[in-house]
Amino acid sequence: MMELVEICDPDDQECLCLGTDADGACIPQGGCLPDDLQCQFAKRATDAYPAPPAPDLELCGP
């Protein structure tokens, strides 16, 4: 699998935020815009089916 990743300067609010909410606060990249139904669906699906836990290295061997 591949994923497009954008690396942002910590001071670049335009890069770090999806937009602003009604109060003018940053909507972080980890959130969804209120009208973005595809993003909201993906978030609900991810929350409902979390990734499995990492393997126990002691059981995997060297």
N, C-alpha and C. Protein backbone atom coordinates (compact mmCIF):
# COMPACT_ATOMS: atom_id res chain seq x y z
N MET A 1 0.84 -1.18 0.00
CA MET A 1 0.00 0.00 0.00
C MET A 1 0.89 1.24 0.00
N MET A 2 0.37 2.29 -0.56
CA MET A 2 1.09 3.56 -0.59
C MET A 2 0.17 4.65 -0.06
N GLU A 3 0.79 5.70 0.43
CA GLU A 3 0.03 6.83 0.94
C GLU A 3 0.79 8.10 0.60
N LEU A 4 0.09 9.11 0.13
CA LEU A 4 0.68 10.40 -0.14
C LEU A 4 0.81 11.15 1.17
N VAL A 5 2.01 11.62 1.48
CA VAL A 5 2.28 12.31 2.73
C VAL A 5 2.85 13.68 2.41
N GLU A 6 2.33 14.71 3.07
CA GLU A 6 2.86 16.05 2.92
C GLU A 6 3.53 16.44 4.23
N ILE A 7 4.79 16.87 4.13
CA ILE A 7 5.53 17.29 5.31
C ILE A 7 5.42 18.80 5.40
N CYS A 8 4.92 19.29 6.54
CA CYS A 8 4.65 20.71 6.72
C CYS A 8 5.64 21.34 7.70
N ASP A 9 5.96 22.58 7.44
CA ASP A 9 6.72 23.39 8.40
C ASP A 9 5.81 23.62 9.60
N PRO A 10 6.31 23.49 10.82
CA PRO A 10 5.45 23.65 12.01
C PRO A 10 4.75 25.01 12.10
N ASP A 11 5.26 26.02 11.41
CA ASP A 11 4.65 27.35 11.45
C ASP A 11 3.71 27.60 10.28
N ASP A 12 3.57 26.65 9.36
CA ASP A 12 2.74 26.84 8.16
C ASP A 12 1.30 26.38 8.44
N GLN A 13 0.46 27.27 8.94
CA GLN A 13 -0.92 26.92 9.29
C GLN A 13 -1.72 26.48 8.07
N GLU A 14 -1.45 27.04 6.90
CA GLU A 14 -2.18 26.66 5.70
C GLU A 14 -1.93 25.20 5.34
N CYS A 15 -0.72 24.74 5.58
CA CYS A 15 -0.36 23.34 5.31
C CYS A 15 -0.88 22.41 6.40
N LEU A 16 -0.83 22.86 7.66
CA LEU A 16 -1.19 22.01 8.79
C LEU A 16 -2.69 21.85 8.98
N CYS A 17 -3.49 22.79 8.48
CA CYS A 17 -4.92 22.79 8.74
C CYS A 17 -5.72 22.44 7.48
N LEU A 18 -6.80 21.68 7.67
CA LEU A 18 -7.73 21.44 6.56
C LEU A 18 -8.53 22.69 6.26
N GLY A 19 -8.69 23.52 7.24
CA GLY A 19 -9.47 24.74 7.15
C GLY A 19 -9.67 25.26 8.56
N THR A 20 -10.63 26.13 8.72
CA THR A 20 -10.92 26.65 10.05
C THR A 20 -12.38 26.40 10.39
N ASP A 21 -12.66 26.27 11.68
CA ASP A 21 -14.04 26.07 12.10
C ASP A 21 -14.74 27.42 12.25
N ALA A 22 -15.95 27.41 12.75
CA ALA A 22 -16.74 28.64 12.86
C ALA A 22 -16.08 29.67 13.77
N ASP A 23 -15.25 29.21 14.71
CA ASP A 23 -14.56 30.13 15.62
C ASP A 23 -13.20 30.58 15.08
N GLY A 24 -12.81 30.09 13.89
CA GLY A 24 -11.53 30.46 13.30
C GLY A 24 -10.38 29.59 13.75
N ALA A 25 -10.67 28.52 14.50
CA ALA A 25 -9.62 27.61 14.97
C ALA A 25 -9.27 26.62 13.86
N CYS A 26 -8.03 26.17 13.87
CA CYS A 26 -7.52 25.22 12.88
C CYS A 26 -8.24 23.87 13.01
N ILE A 27 -8.66 23.31 11.86
CA ILE A 27 -9.15 21.93 11.82
C ILE A 27 -7.94 21.10 11.41
N PRO A 28 -7.36 20.31 12.35
CA PRO A 28 -6.13 19.59 12.04
C PRO A 28 -6.32 18.56 10.94
N GLN A 29 -5.21 18.20 10.29
CA GLN A 29 -5.24 17.23 9.19
C GLN A 29 -5.87 15.90 9.62
N GLY A 30 -5.83 15.57 10.90
CA GLY A 30 -6.41 14.32 11.38
C GLY A 30 -7.92 14.34 11.46
N GLY A 31 -8.53 15.50 11.25
CA GLY A 31 -9.99 15.62 11.34
C GLY A 31 -10.63 15.69 9.95
N CYS A 32 -11.93 15.82 9.92
CA CYS A 32 -12.68 15.91 8.67
C CYS A 32 -13.45 17.22 8.63
N LEU A 33 -13.58 17.77 7.45
CA LEU A 33 -14.44 18.93 7.28
C LEU A 33 -15.89 18.49 7.44
N PRO A 34 -16.77 19.36 7.91
CA PRO A 34 -18.16 18.97 8.17
C PRO A 34 -18.89 18.43 6.94
N ASP A 35 -18.55 18.88 5.74
CA ASP A 35 -19.26 18.43 4.54
C ASP A 35 -18.52 17.33 3.77
N ASP A 36 -17.40 16.81 4.32
CA ASP A 36 -16.62 15.78 3.64
C ASP A 36 -17.11 14.40 4.08
N LEU A 37 -18.11 13.90 3.39
CA LEU A 37 -18.74 12.62 3.77
C LEU A 37 -17.79 11.44 3.59
N GLN A 38 -16.93 11.48 2.56
CA GLN A 38 -16.00 10.38 2.34
C GLN A 38 -15.01 10.28 3.51
N CYS A 39 -14.50 11.40 3.96
CA CYS A 39 -13.59 11.42 5.10
C CYS A 39 -14.29 10.91 6.35
N GLN A 40 -15.51 11.36 6.58
CA GLN A 40 -16.25 10.93 7.77
C GLN A 40 -16.53 9.43 7.73
N PHE A 41 -16.87 8.89 6.56
CA PHE A 41 -17.10 7.45 6.42
C PHE A 41 -15.81 6.68 6.73
N ALA A 42 -14.68 7.14 6.18
CA ALA A 42 -13.40 6.46 6.41
C ALA A 42 -13.03 6.50 7.88
N LYS A 43 -13.29 7.61 8.56
CA LYS A 43 -12.98 7.71 9.99
C LYS A 43 -13.85 6.76 10.80
N ARG A 44 -15.15 6.69 10.49
CA ARG A 44 -16.03 5.76 11.22
C ARG A 44 -15.62 4.32 10.98
N ALA A 45 -15.24 3.98 9.74
CA ALA A 45 -14.81 2.61 9.44
C ALA A 45 -13.52 2.27 10.18
N THR A 46 -12.59 3.21 10.22
CA THR A 46 -11.32 2.99 10.92
C THR A 46 -11.55 2.83 12.42
N ASP A 47 -12.45 3.64 12.98
CA ASP A 47 -12.75 3.54 14.41
C ASP A 47 -13.44 2.21 14.74
N ALA A 48 -14.27 1.72 13.82
CA ALA A 48 -15.02 0.48 14.06
C ALA A 48 -14.12 -0.76 13.92
N TYR A 49 -13.12 -0.68 13.05
CA TYR A 49 -12.24 -1.82 12.79
C TYR A 49 -10.79 -1.40 12.96
N PRO A 50 -10.33 -1.23 14.21
CA PRO A 50 -8.95 -0.78 14.44
C PRO A 50 -7.93 -1.83 13.97
N ALA A 51 -6.72 -1.38 13.76
CA ALA A 51 -5.65 -2.28 13.34
C ALA A 51 -5.38 -3.30 14.45
N PRO A 52 -4.94 -4.49 14.06
CA PRO A 52 -4.62 -5.50 15.09
C PRO A 52 -3.40 -5.06 15.89
N PRO A 53 -3.22 -5.61 17.08
CA PRO A 53 -2.06 -5.25 17.88
C PRO A 53 -0.76 -5.71 17.21
N ALA A 54 0.33 -5.07 17.56
CA ALA A 54 1.63 -5.47 17.02
C ALA A 54 1.97 -6.88 17.50
N PRO A 55 2.74 -7.62 16.71
CA PRO A 55 3.09 -8.99 17.11
C PRO A 55 3.97 -8.98 18.37
N ASP A 56 3.86 -10.04 19.14
CA ASP A 56 4.70 -10.23 20.33
C ASP A 56 6.05 -10.74 19.85
N LEU A 57 7.09 -9.91 19.94
CA LEU A 57 8.41 -10.27 19.42
C LEU A 57 9.00 -11.48 20.12
N GLU A 58 8.62 -11.74 21.35
CA GLU A 58 9.12 -12.92 22.07
C GLU A 58 8.59 -14.20 21.44
N LEU A 59 7.42 -14.14 20.83
CA LEU A 59 6.85 -15.34 20.20
C LEU A 59 7.31 -15.52 18.76
N CYS A 60 7.85 -14.47 18.14
CA CYS A 60 8.23 -14.51 16.73
C CYS A 60 9.59 -15.13 16.49
N GLY A 61 10.43 -15.19 17.49
CA GLY A 61 11.76 -15.75 17.33
C GLY A 61 12.74 -14.71 16.82
N PRO A 62 13.99 -15.12 16.59
CA PRO A 62 15.03 -14.17 16.17
C PRO A 62 14.85 -13.67 14.76
